[in-house]
Amino acid sequence: MRGFSLLEVLVALVLLGLGLLVVSDSLGFGARVLGKLERHRNERVTDTAARATLRHLLERAESGWADATQRLFRGEAAELTFVAIADGPAGDGLPTLFRLRNSGGDLILERCPLGRDWTPECPGGNWAERLRVPGWGGLAVAYGDGRDWRGEWRDQGLPRLVRLAGEGGATLTVELRQAEWGRR
């Protein structure tokens, strides 16, 4: 009689099942590794692009006063608010109020278009998130005048340097242009 016995068929099915289990685990492991590599690459690209955007905007920060009481550049230890002409991918060439802060371990850059209104307050508090960089931890902003660093900036002009530092060693230092101007 030709054919396989029931025992031979069961052994073959068990061996086939074990082989498929090993192959599926290998494929799953490979997919997890590729996913982690992709996330790491995206985080690096996001961090690099975010640094370039922040540098671009901070280099265009405007100094001076909107009126007798409101500065266009306000720096505190954990938050920075400034006006810049947002061009390129960051905006449409109009004066824009930006706020840089930390929220839940992420670095957040928010924008509020000002149009012709140069007051450094966001009309109606309508901030729009422009950029979010995960993993910065507690944001610490320092302002340098060329001699020392301070935790806040209350002078009329711009600081010479702005340093952003997060937990885990993430840092960005930007040299600001020193052109003084007022309301345009």
C-alpha atoms as a PDB file:
ATOM      1  CA  MET A   1       0.000   0.000   0.000  1.00  0.00           C
ATOM      2  CA  ARG A   2       1.260   3.466  -0.875  1.00  0.00           C
ATOM      3  CA  GLY A   3       0.975   6.636   1.283  1.00  0.00           C
ATOM      4  CA  PHE A   4       1.974   7.913   4.636  1.00  0.00           C
ATOM      5  CA  SER A   5       0.898   6.746   8.006  1.00  0.00           C
ATOM      6  CA  LEU A   6      -0.959   9.069  10.361  1.00  0.00           C
ATOM      7  CA  LEU A   7       2.125   9.278  12.589  1.00  0.00           C
ATOM      8  CA  GLU A   8       4.338  10.347   9.673  1.00  0.00           C
ATOM      9  CA  VAL A   9       1.864  13.064   8.651  1.00  0.00           C
ATOM     10  CA  LEU A  10       1.653  14.410  12.234  1.00  0.00           C
ATOM     11  CA  VAL A  11       5.473  14.524  12.555  1.00  0.00           C
ATOM     12  CA  ALA A  12       5.740  16.330   9.223  1.00  0.00           C
ATOM     13  CA  LEU A  13       3.097  18.878  10.288  1.00  0.00           C
ATOM     14  CA  VAL A  14       4.873  19.514  13.615  1.00  0.00           C
ATOM     15  CA  LEU A  15       8.211  20.030  11.825  1.00  0.00           C
ATOM     16  CA  LEU A  16       6.559  22.331   9.269  1.00  0.00           C
ATOM     17  CA  GLY A  17       4.914  24.322  12.104  1.00  0.00           C
ATOM     18  CA  LEU A  18       8.237  24.698  13.936  1.00  0.00           C
ATOM     19  CA  GLY A  19       9.939  25.823  10.735  1.00  0.00           C
ATOM     20  CA  LEU A  20       7.233  28.427  10.060  1.00  0.00           C
ATOM     21  CA  LEU A  21       7.474  29.632  13.652  1.00  0.00           C
ATOM     22  CA  VAL A  22      11.239  30.204  13.305  1.00  0.00           C
ATOM     23  CA  VAL A  23      10.790  32.001   9.987  1.00  0.00           C
ATOM     24  CA  SER A  24       7.998  34.254  11.290  1.00  0.00           C
ATOM     25  CA  ASP A  25      10.000  35.147  14.422  1.00  0.00           C
ATOM     26  CA  SER A  26      12.989  36.015  12.244  1.00  0.00           C
ATOM     27  CA  LEU A  27      10.862  38.190   9.981  1.00  0.00           C
ATOM     28  CA  GLY A  28       9.230  39.878  12.996  1.00  0.00           C
ATOM     29  CA  PHE A  29      12.624  40.564  14.553  1.00  0.00           C
ATOM     30  CA  GLY A  30      13.886  42.012  11.278  1.00  0.00           C
ATOM     31  CA  ALA A  31      10.813  44.234  10.962  1.00  0.00           C
ATOM     32  CA  ARG A  32      11.271  45.502  14.545  1.00  0.00           C
ATOM     33  CA  VAL A  33      14.948  46.295  13.893  1.00  0.00           C
ATOM     34  CA  LEU A  34      14.087  48.095  10.656  1.00  0.00           C
ATOM     35  CA  GLY A  35      11.331  50.045  12.450  1.00  0.00           C
ATOM     36  CA  LYS A  36      13.746  51.157  15.173  1.00  0.00           C
ATOM     37  CA  LEU A  37      16.348  52.175  12.603  1.00  0.00           C
ATOM     38  CA  GLU A  38      13.733  54.162  10.662  1.00  0.00           C
ATOM     39  CA  ARG A  39      12.519  55.926  13.833  1.00  0.00           C
ATOM     40  CA  HIS A  40      16.102  56.769  14.799  1.00  0.00           C
ATOM     41  CA  ARG A  41      16.810  58.133  11.306  1.00  0.00           C
ATOM     42  CA  ASN A  42      13.585  60.183  11.366  1.00  0.00           C
ATOM     43  CA  GLU A  43      14.435  61.565  14.810  1.00  0.00           C
ATOM     44  CA  ARG A  44      17.884  62.593  13.569  1.00  0.00           C
ATOM     45  CA  VAL A  45      16.387  64.216  10.460  1.00  0.00           C
ATOM     46  CA  THR A  46      13.700  65.901  12.556  1.00  0.00           C
ATOM     47  CA  ASP A  47      16.282  67.137  15.056  1.00  0.00           C
ATOM     48  CA  THR A  48      18.582  68.383  12.270  1.00  0.00           C
ATOM     49  CA  ALA A  49      15.733  70.122  10.437  1.00  0.00           C
ATOM     50  CA  ALA A  50      14.433  71.599  13.698  1.00  0.00           C
ATOM     51  CA  ARG A  51      17.872  72.976  14.561  1.00  0.00           C
ATOM     52  CA  ALA A  52      18.150  74.528  11.100  1.00  0.00           C
ATOM     53  CA  THR A  53      14.692  76.109  11.417  1.00  0.00           C
ATOM     54  CA  LEU A  54      15.416  77.461  14.906  1.00  0.00           C
ATOM     55  CA  ARG A  55      18.788  78.834  13.795  1.00  0.00           C
ATOM     56  CA  HIS A  56      17.185  80.452  10.739  1.00  0.00           C
ATOM     57  CA  LEU A  57      14.485  82.174  12.804  1.00  0.00           C
ATOM     58  CA  LEU A  58      16.704  83.240  15.704  1.00  0.00           C
ATOM     59  CA  GLU A  59      19.204  84.773  13.295  1.00  0.00           C
ATOM     60  CA  ARG A  60      16.321  86.927  12.035  1.00  0.00           C
ATOM     61  CA  ALA A  61      15.053  87.993  15.474  1.00  0.00           C
ATOM     62  CA  GLU A  62      14.243  91.672  15.653  1.00  0.00           C
ATOM     63  CA  SER A  63      15.262  93.910  18.510  1.00  0.00           C
ATOM     64  CA  GLY A  64      13.782  97.112  19.799  1.00  0.00           C
ATOM     65  CA  TRP A  65      10.434  98.004  21.281  1.00  0.00           C
ATOM     66  CA  ALA A  66       6.924  97.748  19.913  1.00  0.00           C
ATOM     67  CA  ASP A  67       5.999 100.652  22.161  1.00  0.00           C
ATOM     68  CA  ALA A  68       7.313 102.143  25.402  1.00  0.00           C
ATOM     69  CA  THR A  69       6.583  99.005  27.439  1.00  0.00           C
ATOM     70  CA  GLN A  70       6.778  95.935  25.194  1.00  0.00           C
ATOM     71  CA  ARG A  71      10.036  94.458  23.903  1.00  0.00           C
ATOM     72  CA  LEU A  72      10.103  92.485  20.641  1.00  0.00           C
ATOM     73  CA  PHE A  73      12.612  90.025  22.155  1.00  0.00           C
ATOM     74  CA  ARG A  74      11.839  88.592  25.612  1.00  0.00           C
ATOM     75  CA  GLY A  75      14.031  85.937  27.121  1.00  0.00           C
ATOM     76  CA  GLU A  76      13.381  83.898  30.221  1.00  0.00           C
ATOM     77  CA  ALA A  77      15.100  80.800  31.592  1.00  0.00           C
ATOM     78  CA  ALA A  78      12.517  78.339  30.214  1.00  0.00           C
ATOM     79  CA  GLU A  79      10.796  80.305  27.427  1.00  0.00           C
ATOM     80  CA  LEU A  80      11.801  82.631  24.624  1.00  0.00           C
ATOM     81  CA  THR A  81       9.447  84.954  22.739  1.00  0.00           C
ATOM     82  CA  PHE A  82      10.629  86.964  19.750  1.00  0.00           C
ATOM     83  CA  VAL A  83       9.483  88.639  16.556  1.00  0.00           C
ATOM     84  CA  ALA A  84      11.067  87.651  13.251  1.00  0.00           C
ATOM     85  CA  ILE A  85      10.245  88.056   9.594  1.00  0.00           C
ATOM     86  CA  ALA A  86       9.306  84.483   8.751  1.00  0.00           C
ATOM     87  CA  ASP A  87      10.379  83.666   5.225  1.00  0.00           C
ATOM     88  CA  GLY A  88      11.011  80.440   3.366  1.00  0.00           C
ATOM     89  CA  PRO A  89       9.541  77.273   4.848  1.00  0.00           C
ATOM     90  CA  ALA A  90       8.951  79.006   8.211  1.00  0.00           C
ATOM     91  CA  GLY A  91       6.447  81.586   7.003  1.00  0.00           C
ATOM     92  CA  ASP A  92       5.230  83.995   4.389  1.00  0.00           C
ATOM     93  CA  GLY A  93       7.531  87.008   4.743  1.00  0.00           C
ATOM     94  CA  LEU A  94       5.355  88.728   7.342  1.00  0.00           C
ATOM     95  CA  PRO A  95       6.333  89.682  10.879  1.00  0.00           C
ATOM     96  CA  THR A  96       5.562  86.748  13.120  1.00  0.00           C
ATOM     97  CA  LEU A  97       5.651  86.322  16.868  1.00  0.00           C
ATOM     98  CA  PHE A  98       7.415  83.090  17.889  1.00  0.00           C
ATOM     99  CA  ARG A  99       7.419  81.371  21.269  1.00  0.00           C
ATOM    100  CA  LEU A 100       9.872  78.615  22.132  1.00  0.00           C
ATOM    101  CA  ARG A 101       9.040  76.507  25.180  1.00  0.00           C
ATOM    102  CA  ASN A 102       9.067  72.989  26.598  1.00  0.00           C
ATOM    103  CA  SER A 103       5.975  70.833  26.970  1.00  0.00           C
ATOM    104  CA  GLY A 104       6.004  67.247  28.182  1.00  0.00           C
ATOM    105  CA  GLY A 105       9.664  66.769  27.300  1.00  0.00           C
ATOM    106  CA  ASP A 106       9.252  68.128  23.763  1.00  0.00           C
ATOM    107  CA  LEU A 107      10.693  71.365  22.431  1.00  0.00           C
ATOM    108  CA  ILE A 108       7.783  73.379  20.992  1.00  0.00           C
ATOM    109  CA  LEU A 109       8.026  76.307  18.584  1.00  0.00           C
ATOM    110  CA  GLU A 110       4.743  78.171  18.220  1.00  0.00           C
ATOM    111  CA  ARG A 111       3.930  81.020  15.856  1.00  0.00           C
ATOM    112  CA  CYS A 112       1.387  83.790  15.738  1.00  0.00           C
ATOM    113  CA  PRO A 113       1.234  85.928  12.563  1.00  0.00           C
ATOM    114  CA  LEU A 114       1.206  89.635  13.400  1.00  0.00           C
ATOM    115  CA  GLY A 115       0.647  91.232  10.010  1.00  0.00           C
ATOM    116  CA  ARG A 116       1.030  94.973  10.433  1.00  0.00           C
ATOM    117  CA  ASP A 117       0.350  94.828  14.170  1.00  0.00           C
ATOM    118  CA  TRP A 118       3.768  94.817  15.822  1.00  0.00           C
ATOM    119  CA  THR A 119       2.645  94.207  19.379  1.00  0.00           C
ATOM    120  CA  PRO A 120       4.578  91.274  20.861  1.00  0.00           C
ATOM    121  CA  GLU A 121       1.410  89.642  22.167  1.00  0.00           C
ATOM    122  CA  CYS A 122      -0.478  86.998  20.227  1.00  0.00           C
ATOM    123  CA  PRO A 123      -3.886  88.473  19.306  1.00  0.00           C
ATOM    124  CA  GLY A 124      -6.513  86.364  21.010  1.00  0.00           C
ATOM    125  CA  GLY A 125      -3.862  83.887  22.188  1.00  0.00           C
ATOM    126  CA  ASN A 126      -4.156  82.013  18.884  1.00  0.00           C
ATOM    127  CA  TRP A 127      -0.780  80.278  18.919  1.00  0.00           C
ATOM    128  CA  ALA A 128      -0.220  77.631  16.227  1.00  0.00           C
ATOM    129  CA  GLU A 129       2.334  74.900  16.701  1.00  0.00           C
ATOM    130  CA  ARG A 130       5.017  75.281  14.077  1.00  0.00           C
ATOM    131  CA  LEU A 131       7.515  72.669  15.185  1.00  0.00           C
ATOM    132  CA  ARG A 132       7.769  69.916  17.805  1.00  0.00           C
ATOM    133  CA  VAL A 133      11.060  68.203  18.607  1.00  0.00           C
ATOM    134  CA  PRO A 134      10.654  65.188  20.896  1.00  0.00           C
ATOM    135  CA  GLY A 135      13.142  64.277  23.590  1.00  0.00           C
ATOM    136  CA  TRP A 136      14.578  67.663  24.593  1.00  0.00           C
ATOM    137  CA  GLY A 137      13.519  67.307  28.229  1.00  0.00           C
ATOM    138  CA  GLY A 138      13.642  70.412  30.392  1.00  0.00           C
ATOM    139  CA  LEU A 139      14.466  73.384  28.203  1.00  0.00           C
ATOM    140  CA  ALA A 140      17.002  75.838  29.611  1.00  0.00           C
ATOM    141  CA  VAL A 141      17.610  79.043  27.661  1.00  0.00           C
ATOM    142  CA  ALA A 142      20.683  81.181  28.322  1.00  0.00           C
ATOM    143  CA  TYR A 143      21.538  84.568  26.852  1.00  0.00           C
ATOM    144  CA  GLY A 144      25.108  85.709  26.294  1.00  0.00           C
ATOM    145  CA  ASP A 145      26.473  89.195  25.804  1.00  0.00           C
ATOM    146  CA  GLY A 146      30.005  88.084  24.926  1.00  0.00           C
ATOM    147  CA  ARG A 147      31.241  88.107  28.529  1.00  0.00           C
ATOM    148  CA  ASP A 148      28.865  85.892  30.492  1.00  0.00           C
ATOM    149  CA  TRP A 149      25.600  83.951  30.291  1.00  0.00           C
ATOM    150  CA  ARG A 150      22.343  84.986  31.928  1.00  0.00           C
ATOM    151  CA  GLY A 151      19.105  83.146  32.584  1.00  0.00           C
ATOM    152  CA  GLU A 152      16.954  85.998  31.291  1.00  0.00           C
ATOM    153  CA  TRP A 153      17.283  88.858  28.848  1.00  0.00           C
ATOM    154  CA  ARG A 154      15.684  92.154  29.753  1.00  0.00           C
ATOM    155  CA  ASP A 155      17.857  94.571  27.799  1.00  0.00           C
ATOM    156  CA  GLN A 156      16.479  96.588  24.915  1.00  0.00           C
ATOM    157  CA  GLY A 157      18.715  95.075  22.236  1.00  0.00           C
ATOM    158  CA  LEU A 158      19.357  91.511  21.272  1.00  0.00           C
ATOM    159  CA  PRO A 159      21.757  89.282  23.157  1.00  0.00           C
ATOM    160  CA  ARG A 160      24.843  88.346  21.201  1.00  0.00           C
ATOM    161  CA  LEU A 161      24.203  84.623  21.708  1.00  0.00           C
ATOM    162  CA  VAL A 162      21.253  82.405  22.588  1.00  0.00           C
ATOM    163  CA  ARG A 163      21.895  78.890  23.887  1.00  0.00           C
ATOM    164  CA  LEU A 164      19.139  76.284  24.069  1.00  0.00           C
ATOM    165  CA  ALA A 165      19.921  73.242  26.199  1.00  0.00           C
ATOM    166  CA  GLY A 166      17.828  70.193  26.959  1.00  0.00           C
ATOM    167  CA  GLU A 167      18.273  67.204  29.191  1.00  0.00           C
ATOM    168  CA  GLY A 168      20.504  64.535  27.747  1.00  0.00           C
ATOM    169  CA  GLY A 169      22.980  66.985  26.237  1.00  0.00           C
ATOM    170  CA  ALA A 170      20.899  68.423  23.370  1.00  0.00           C
ATOM    171  CA  THR A 171      22.182  71.967  22.761  1.00  0.00           C
ATOM    172  CA  LEU A 172      21.961  74.674  20.128  1.00  0.00           C
ATOM    173  CA  THR A 173      23.841  77.975  20.279  1.00  0.00           C
ATOM    174  CA  VAL A 174      22.950  80.738  17.819  1.00  0.00           C
ATOM    175  CA  GLU A 175      24.726  84.046  17.262  1.00  0.00           C
ATOM    176  CA  LEU A 176      22.171  86.790  16.648  1.00  0.00           C
ATOM    177  CA  ARG A 177      22.671  89.665  14.267  1.00  0.00           C
ATOM    178  CA  GLN A 178      23.137  92.955  16.046  1.00  0.00           C
ATOM    179  CA  ALA A 179      21.148  95.309  13.831  1.00  0.00           C
ATOM    180  CA  GLU A 180      19.083  97.684  15.912  1.00  0.00           C
ATOM    181  CA  TRP A 181      15.805  98.859  14.521  1.00  0.00           C
ATOM    182  CA  GLY A 182      12.386  99.691  15.781  1.00  0.00           C
ATOM    183  CA  ARG A 183       8.970  99.529  14.315  1.00  0.00           C
ATOM    184  CA  ARG A 184       9.067  99.253  10.538  1.00  0.00           C
END
